[in-house]
Amino acid sequence: MNQIEPDSALSDDAVRHVAHLSRLALNNEEFAGAKKDLTAIFTHIDLLKSIDTSGVEPLDHPTELTNNTRDDTVGDSLTQEQVLANAPATKDVYFDVPKVLGGSA
């Protein structure tokens, strides 16, 4: 891949400003790494901006997802007894579950 230079060099003040906005306290070593990383990011953005996208239809999703729908038709329902038969524990006509907040069931 061709490396291109960013449109403008990233100044130390710009890196400090981004660090301030990000609420990052950077030491000298971290500052140098952040400047290198931000420069790489902006270089990649400039590379993307240089690509000719005329004639390319915009997408609302990169994988062109489509909704798979079906007719909403009424079918047979399970009876209350059939539903409760699948539960690990029942109490009267309800599912019996342990208490979530404090105490026991």
C-alpha atoms as a PDB file:
ATOM      1  CA  MET A   1       0.000   0.000   0.000  1.00  0.00           C
ATOM      2  CA  ASN A   2       1.333   3.443  -0.838  1.00  0.00           C
ATOM      3  CA  GLN A   3       2.091   5.706   2.090  1.00  0.00           C
ATOM      4  CA  ILE A   4       0.932   9.261   1.517  1.00  0.00           C
ATOM      5  CA  GLU A   5       1.690  12.293   3.611  1.00  0.00           C
ATOM      6  CA  PRO A   6      -1.228  13.839   5.500  1.00  0.00           C
ATOM      7  CA  ASP A   7      -2.578  17.138   4.122  1.00  0.00           C
ATOM      8  CA  SER A   8      -1.089  18.966   7.078  1.00  0.00           C
ATOM      9  CA  ALA A   9       1.543  18.053   9.624  1.00  0.00           C
ATOM     10  CA  LEU A  10       0.173  17.361  13.078  1.00  0.00           C
ATOM     11  CA  SER A  11       1.517  19.943  15.517  1.00  0.00           C
ATOM     12  CA  ASP A  12       2.340  19.294  19.147  1.00  0.00           C
ATOM     13  CA  ASP A  13      -0.359  21.801  20.109  1.00  0.00           C
ATOM     14  CA  ALA A  14      -2.960  19.836  18.142  1.00  0.00           C
ATOM     15  CA  VAL A  15      -1.958  16.607  19.924  1.00  0.00           C
ATOM     16  CA  ARG A  16      -2.121  18.375  23.313  1.00  0.00           C
ATOM     17  CA  HIS A  17      -5.565  19.736  22.386  1.00  0.00           C
ATOM     18  CA  VAL A  18      -6.850  16.261  21.437  1.00  0.00           C
ATOM     19  CA  ALA A  19      -5.375  14.828  24.643  1.00  0.00           C
ATOM     20  CA  HIS A  20      -7.074  17.580  26.657  1.00  0.00           C
ATOM     21  CA  LEU A  21     -10.436  16.950  24.960  1.00  0.00           C
ATOM     22  CA  SER A  22     -10.001  13.233  25.633  1.00  0.00           C
ATOM     23  CA  ARG A  23      -9.109  13.919  29.262  1.00  0.00           C
ATOM     24  CA  LEU A  24      -5.761  12.151  28.829  1.00  0.00           C
ATOM     25  CA  ALA A  25      -2.706  13.061  30.874  1.00  0.00           C
ATOM     26  CA  LEU A  26       0.210  12.024  28.667  1.00  0.00           C
ATOM     27  CA  ASN A  27       3.850  11.836  29.692  1.00  0.00           C
ATOM     28  CA  ASN A  28       6.571  12.524  27.089  1.00  0.00           C
ATOM     29  CA  GLU A  29       6.725   8.905  25.913  1.00  0.00           C
ATOM     30  CA  GLU A  30       2.950   8.606  25.651  1.00  0.00           C
ATOM     31  CA  PHE A  31       2.782  11.976  23.897  1.00  0.00           C
ATOM     32  CA  ALA A  32       5.210  10.807  21.201  1.00  0.00           C
ATOM     33  CA  GLY A  33       3.218   7.589  20.743  1.00  0.00           C
ATOM     34  CA  ALA A  34      -0.081   9.486  20.569  1.00  0.00           C
ATOM     35  CA  LYS A  35       1.337  11.858  17.962  1.00  0.00           C
ATOM     36  CA  LYS A  36       2.567   8.900  15.896  1.00  0.00           C
ATOM     37  CA  ASP A  37      -0.802   7.122  16.194  1.00  0.00           C
ATOM     38  CA  LEU A  38      -2.822  10.236  15.318  1.00  0.00           C
ATOM     39  CA  THR A  39      -0.570  10.918  12.336  1.00  0.00           C
ATOM     40  CA  ALA A  40      -1.130   7.339  11.126  1.00  0.00           C
ATOM     41  CA  ILE A  41      -4.900   7.762  11.542  1.00  0.00           C
ATOM     42  CA  PHE A  42      -4.951  11.041   9.603  1.00  0.00           C
ATOM     43  CA  THR A  43      -2.698   9.567   6.911  1.00  0.00           C
ATOM     44  CA  HIS A  44      -5.177   6.703   6.489  1.00  0.00           C
ATOM     45  CA  ILE A  45      -8.086   9.152   6.347  1.00  0.00           C
ATOM     46  CA  ASP A  46      -6.267  11.128   3.653  1.00  0.00           C
ATOM     47  CA  LEU A  47      -5.722   7.880   1.730  1.00  0.00           C
ATOM     48  CA  LEU A  48      -9.449   7.129   1.937  1.00  0.00           C
ATOM     49  CA  LYS A  49     -10.288  10.671   0.802  1.00  0.00           C
ATOM     50  CA  SER A  50      -8.094  10.190  -2.276  1.00  0.00           C
ATOM     51  CA  ILE A  51     -10.163   7.235  -3.540  1.00  0.00           C
ATOM     52  CA  ASP A  52     -12.514   8.048  -6.414  1.00  0.00           C
ATOM     53  CA  THR A  53     -16.011   7.129  -5.262  1.00  0.00           C
ATOM     54  CA  SER A  54     -17.953   8.850  -8.028  1.00  0.00           C
ATOM     55  CA  GLY A  55     -20.590   6.513  -9.358  1.00  0.00           C
ATOM     56  CA  VAL A  56     -20.678   4.461  -6.154  1.00  0.00           C
ATOM     57  CA  GLU A  57     -24.103   4.306  -4.560  1.00  0.00           C
ATOM     58  CA  PRO A  58     -24.066   5.117  -0.837  1.00  0.00           C
ATOM     59  CA  LEU A  59     -25.077   2.300   1.495  1.00  0.00           C
ATOM     60  CA  ASP A  60     -26.977   2.581   4.734  1.00  0.00           C
ATOM     61  CA  HIS A  61     -25.200  -0.585   5.922  1.00  0.00           C
ATOM     62  CA  PRO A  62     -21.918  -2.033   4.624  1.00  0.00           C
ATOM     63  CA  THR A  63     -23.250  -5.579   4.238  1.00  0.00           C
ATOM     64  CA  GLU A  64     -26.494  -4.668   2.488  1.00  0.00           C
ATOM     65  CA  LEU A  65     -28.659  -6.487   5.016  1.00  0.00           C
ATOM     66  CA  THR A  66     -32.225  -7.210   3.998  1.00  0.00           C
ATOM     67  CA  ASN A  67     -35.157  -7.916   6.248  1.00  0.00           C
ATOM     68  CA  ASN A  68     -36.529 -11.416   5.944  1.00  0.00           C
ATOM     69  CA  THR A  69     -40.192 -11.114   6.750  1.00  0.00           C
ATOM     70  CA  ARG A  70     -43.001 -13.584   6.843  1.00  0.00           C
ATOM     71  CA  ASP A  71     -46.756 -13.240   6.907  1.00  0.00           C
ATOM     72  CA  ASP A  72     -48.196 -12.623  10.350  1.00  0.00           C
ATOM     73  CA  THR A  73     -50.653 -15.501  10.465  1.00  0.00           C
ATOM     74  CA  VAL A  74     -52.477 -16.922  13.441  1.00  0.00           C
ATOM     75  CA  GLY A  75     -51.419 -20.444  14.316  1.00  0.00           C
ATOM     76  CA  ASP A  76     -52.101 -22.968  17.021  1.00  0.00           C
ATOM     77  CA  SER A  77     -51.128 -21.840  20.518  1.00  0.00           C
ATOM     78  CA  LEU A  78     -49.932 -23.965  23.396  1.00  0.00           C
ATOM     79  CA  THR A  79     -52.308 -24.514  26.267  1.00  0.00           C
ATOM     80  CA  GLN A  80     -51.422 -23.258  29.725  1.00  0.00           C
ATOM     81  CA  GLU A  81     -50.787 -26.843  30.834  1.00  0.00           C
ATOM     82  CA  GLN A  82     -48.408 -27.475  27.911  1.00  0.00           C
ATOM     83  CA  VAL A  83     -46.410 -24.346  28.713  1.00  0.00           C
ATOM     84  CA  LEU A  84     -46.193 -25.106  32.421  1.00  0.00           C
ATOM     85  CA  ALA A  85     -45.189 -28.713  31.682  1.00  0.00           C
ATOM     86  CA  ASN A  86     -41.883 -27.416  30.295  1.00  0.00           C
ATOM     87  CA  ALA A  87     -41.070 -25.322  33.388  1.00  0.00           C
ATOM     88  CA  PRO A  88     -38.589 -26.681  35.951  1.00  0.00           C
ATOM     89  CA  ALA A  89     -40.881 -25.495  38.785  1.00  0.00           C
ATOM     90  CA  THR A  90     -44.441 -24.171  38.991  1.00  0.00           C
ATOM     91  CA  LYS A  91     -46.668 -22.806  41.730  1.00  0.00           C
ATOM     92  CA  ASP A  92     -50.374 -22.956  40.976  1.00  0.00           C
ATOM     93  CA  VAL A  93     -50.616 -21.643  37.394  1.00  0.00           C
ATOM     94  CA  TYR A  94     -47.366 -19.620  37.456  1.00  0.00           C
ATOM     95  CA  PHE A  95     -43.659 -20.242  36.880  1.00  0.00           C
ATOM     96  CA  ASP A  96     -41.908 -20.624  40.243  1.00  0.00           C
ATOM     97  CA  VAL A  97     -38.578 -18.790  40.275  1.00  0.00           C
ATOM     98  CA  PRO A  98     -36.276 -17.748  43.111  1.00  0.00           C
ATOM     99  CA  LYS A  99     -36.444 -14.191  44.368  1.00  0.00           C
ATOM    100  CA  VAL A 100     -33.951 -11.928  42.669  1.00  0.00           C
ATOM    101  CA  LEU A 101     -33.687  -9.246  45.323  1.00  0.00           C
ATOM    102  CA  GLY A 102     -33.243 -10.341  48.950  1.00  0.00           C
ATOM    103  CA  GLY A 103     -34.785 -13.212  50.847  1.00  0.00           C
ATOM    104  CA  SER A 104     -35.629 -16.691  49.694  1.00  0.00           C
ATOM    105  CA  ALA A 105     -38.438 -17.912  47.458  1.00  0.00           C
END
